[in-house]
Amino acid sequence: MPAIAPTWTTERVDRLKSCFEAGFSCREIAADIGVSRNAVIGKLSRLNLTRDKAGDPPARKNAGTAPAARASPRRQYAMLAAAYAGPETPPEFEPIDDARRCSLFELSEARCRWPISTPGAADFCFCGNTPLDGLPYCSGHSRLAYRPGSRPRVARG
C-alpha cells in the first residue's frame, strides 16, 4: 500500500506564507499552490496568519498583476456607459416597445431579458426587444436596471 503524501509540505507552507505576505487572496494562493481555497483558509487559521484589523490585505509586491476582482468596476462602468449612451431623451419620456414580447422558450442572446408580469402568471413573458451590446436588456430597460446611486424600481407590466 503506497504512502499518502502530506498536503502541507515545508515548501508549500513557505509558499503560502510568502503569497499571504504579498497580499494575494486565498483563491489566488490556492491556485498557485495547487490546493483548495478552504485548505488555504484552514492552514492560515492554524498558523494564526490574519489580515490587519481593517480587513485590508497588505499592498501587493507585484503591482503589475491585477486581480480578477478589480475588473468588476470597469465592467460596471462599461455597462452604465452603454446604458446611457443612447439619445438624451429622459427615460420617463422614452416609450418601451412591447410588440416583440416573447416566452422563455423564445428567449435568446438577441432579445431583451426583462421579465414582464410575475413568474408563474398566465401573462408572464419577456420584453424581447433588441438589447444593447454587451447587456441583457434593451435601452429602456437598461436605464431602469442600471441607475447609479438610486434604489431599483419595481417593474409593473
Protein backbone atom coordinates (compact mmCIF):
# COMPACT_ATOMS: atom_id res chain seq x y z
CA MET A 1 0.00 0.00 0.00
CA PRO A 2 1.60 3.29 -1.09
CA ALA A 3 2.09 6.06 1.45
CA ILE A 4 -0.05 9.18 1.04
CA ALA A 5 2.00 12.33 0.64
CA PRO A 6 1.17 15.14 3.09
CA THR A 7 -0.76 18.10 1.68
CA TRP A 8 1.24 20.73 3.53
CA THR A 9 4.89 20.19 2.82
CA THR A 10 7.52 22.64 4.04
CA GLU A 11 7.77 24.13 0.56
CA ARG A 12 4.01 24.64 0.32
CA VAL A 13 3.85 26.29 3.76
CA ASP A 14 6.70 28.63 2.80
CA ARG A 15 4.94 29.47 -0.48
CA LEU A 16 1.67 30.04 1.42
CA LYS A 17 3.38 32.48 3.80
CA SER A 18 5.11 34.40 1.01
CA CYS A 19 1.93 34.68 -1.06
CA PHE A 20 -0.04 35.77 2.00
CA GLU A 21 2.53 38.46 2.85
CA ALA A 22 2.42 39.64 -0.79
CA GLY A 23 -1.33 40.26 -0.36
CA PHE A 24 -2.74 37.51 -2.56
CA SER A 25 -6.30 36.35 -1.91
CA CYS A 26 -6.99 32.85 -0.64
CA ARG A 27 -8.28 31.89 -4.09
CA GLU A 28 -5.08 33.10 -5.74
CA ILE A 29 -2.90 31.32 -3.17
CA ALA A 30 -4.85 28.08 -3.64
CA ALA A 31 -4.42 28.23 -7.42
CA ASP A 32 -0.68 28.91 -7.02
CA ILE A 33 -0.06 26.08 -4.55
CA GLY A 34 -2.47 23.56 -6.05
CA VAL A 35 -4.84 23.04 -3.13
CA SER A 36 -8.41 24.12 -2.42
CA ARG A 37 -9.33 27.58 -1.14
CA ASN A 38 -10.70 26.02 2.05
CA ALA A 39 -7.39 24.24 2.64
CA VAL A 40 -5.62 27.60 2.42
CA ILE A 41 -8.08 29.24 4.81
CA GLY A 42 -7.70 26.39 7.30
CA LYS A 43 -3.91 26.44 7.16
CA LEU A 44 -3.80 30.24 7.56
CA SER A 45 -6.04 29.87 10.60
CA ARG A 46 -3.85 27.16 12.12
CA LEU A 47 -0.76 29.32 11.53
CA ASN A 48 -2.56 32.33 13.10
CA LEU A 49 -1.95 34.41 9.97
CA THR A 50 -4.55 37.16 9.64
CA ARG A 51 -5.02 40.40 7.74
CA ASP A 52 -4.94 43.72 9.61
CA LYS A 53 -7.95 44.76 11.69
CA ALA A 54 -9.46 46.87 8.90
CA GLY A 55 -9.63 43.73 6.74
CA ASP A 56 -7.43 45.25 4.06
CA PRO A 57 -4.71 42.97 2.73
CA PRO A 58 -1.16 44.33 2.68
CA ALA A 59 -0.09 46.07 -0.53
CA ARG A 60 0.97 43.71 -3.31
CA LYS A 61 4.66 43.48 -4.07
CA ASN A 62 4.00 42.66 -7.71
CA ALA A 63 1.71 45.57 -8.60
CA GLY A 64 1.93 44.68 -12.30
CA THR A 65 -0.69 41.94 -11.97
CA ALA A 66 -4.25 42.97 -11.25
CA PRO A 67 -6.61 40.50 -9.62
CA ALA A 68 -9.74 39.44 -11.46
CA ALA A 69 -11.93 41.20 -8.89
CA ARG A 70 -10.62 44.59 -9.99
CA ALA A 71 -12.26 44.17 -13.39
CA SER A 72 -15.72 44.45 -11.83
CA PRO A 73 -15.85 48.28 -11.53
CA ARG A 74 -14.62 48.55 -15.12
CA ARG A 75 -17.40 46.23 -16.27
CA GLN A 76 -19.95 48.22 -14.30
CA TYR A 77 -18.69 51.43 -15.89
CA ALA A 78 -18.91 49.86 -19.36
CA MET A 79 -22.46 48.70 -18.66
CA LEU A 80 -23.52 52.14 -17.42
CA ALA A 81 -21.81 53.86 -20.35
CA ALA A 82 -23.65 51.59 -22.79
CA ALA A 83 -26.95 52.12 -20.99
CA TYR A 84 -26.68 55.91 -21.02
CA ALA A 85 -25.04 56.27 -24.45
CA GLY A 86 -28.39 56.50 -26.22
CA PRO A 87 -30.26 59.67 -27.08
CA GLU A 88 -30.59 62.40 -24.49
CA THR A 89 -34.33 61.74 -24.12
CA PRO A 90 -35.19 61.23 -20.45
CA PRO A 91 -36.18 57.60 -19.72
CA GLU A 92 -39.62 58.66 -18.48
CA PHE A 93 -40.50 60.01 -21.94
CA GLU A 94 -38.96 57.20 -24.00
CA PRO A 95 -41.56 54.52 -24.61
CA ILE A 96 -40.59 50.86 -24.37
CA ASP A 97 -41.95 48.96 -27.34
CA ASP A 98 -43.95 45.92 -26.24
CA ALA A 99 -44.59 44.46 -29.70
CA ARG A 100 -41.77 41.90 -29.50
CA ARG A 101 -42.66 40.17 -26.22
CA CYS A 102 -41.55 36.54 -26.06
CA SER A 103 -41.80 33.44 -23.89
CA LEU A 104 -38.94 31.74 -22.09
CA PHE A 105 -38.60 29.28 -24.97
CA GLU A 106 -38.20 32.11 -27.50
CA LEU A 107 -35.66 33.99 -25.38
CA SER A 108 -32.12 34.28 -26.80
CA GLU A 109 -29.00 36.45 -26.58
CA ALA A 110 -30.51 38.73 -29.24
CA ARG A 111 -33.61 39.55 -27.16
CA CYS A 112 -34.13 41.73 -24.08
CA ARG A 113 -34.45 39.54 -20.97
CA TRP A 114 -36.52 41.98 -18.89
CA PRO A 115 -39.34 39.99 -17.23
CA ILE A 116 -42.89 41.26 -17.70
CA SER A 117 -45.50 40.35 -15.06
CA THR A 118 -44.97 37.76 -12.32
CA PRO A 119 -43.26 34.39 -12.94
CA GLY A 120 -45.89 31.67 -13.00
CA ALA A 121 -48.69 34.02 -14.07
CA ALA A 122 -50.56 33.29 -17.27
CA ASP A 123 -49.36 36.53 -18.90
CA PHE A 124 -45.68 36.16 -17.88
CA CYS A 125 -43.24 36.91 -20.70
CA PHE A 126 -40.04 38.81 -21.51
CA CYS A 127 -39.56 42.15 -23.27
CA GLY A 128 -37.94 40.67 -26.40
CA ASN A 129 -36.63 43.96 -27.85
CA THR A 130 -33.07 44.18 -29.22
CA PRO A 131 -30.62 44.51 -26.30
CA LEU A 132 -27.71 46.94 -26.14
CA ASP A 133 -24.27 45.50 -26.97
CA GLY A 134 -22.93 43.53 -24.01
CA LEU A 135 -26.07 43.98 -21.92
CA PRO A 136 -29.04 41.68 -21.32
CA TYR A 137 -31.62 44.48 -21.66
CA CYS A 138 -32.86 46.93 -24.30
CA SER A 139 -32.08 50.64 -23.88
CA GLY A 140 -35.29 51.39 -21.99
CA HIS A 141 -34.93 48.55 -19.52
CA SER A 142 -31.18 49.15 -19.13
CA ARG A 143 -31.99 52.64 -17.90
CA LEU A 144 -34.30 51.09 -15.32
CA ALA A 145 -31.85 48.36 -14.32
CA TYR A 146 -28.61 50.37 -14.14
CA ARG A 147 -29.44 53.59 -12.34
CA PRO A 148 -26.41 54.81 -10.38
CA GLY A 149 -26.96 55.98 -6.83
CA SER A 150 -30.61 55.00 -6.56
CA ARG A 151 -32.68 52.10 -5.44
CA PRO A 152 -34.03 49.79 -8.15
CA ARG A 153 -37.61 50.29 -9.26
CA VAL A 154 -40.16 47.55 -9.12
CA ALA A 155 -41.26 46.74 -12.66
CA ARG A 156 -45.00 46.64 -13.18
CA GLY A 157 -46.20 45.44 -16.53
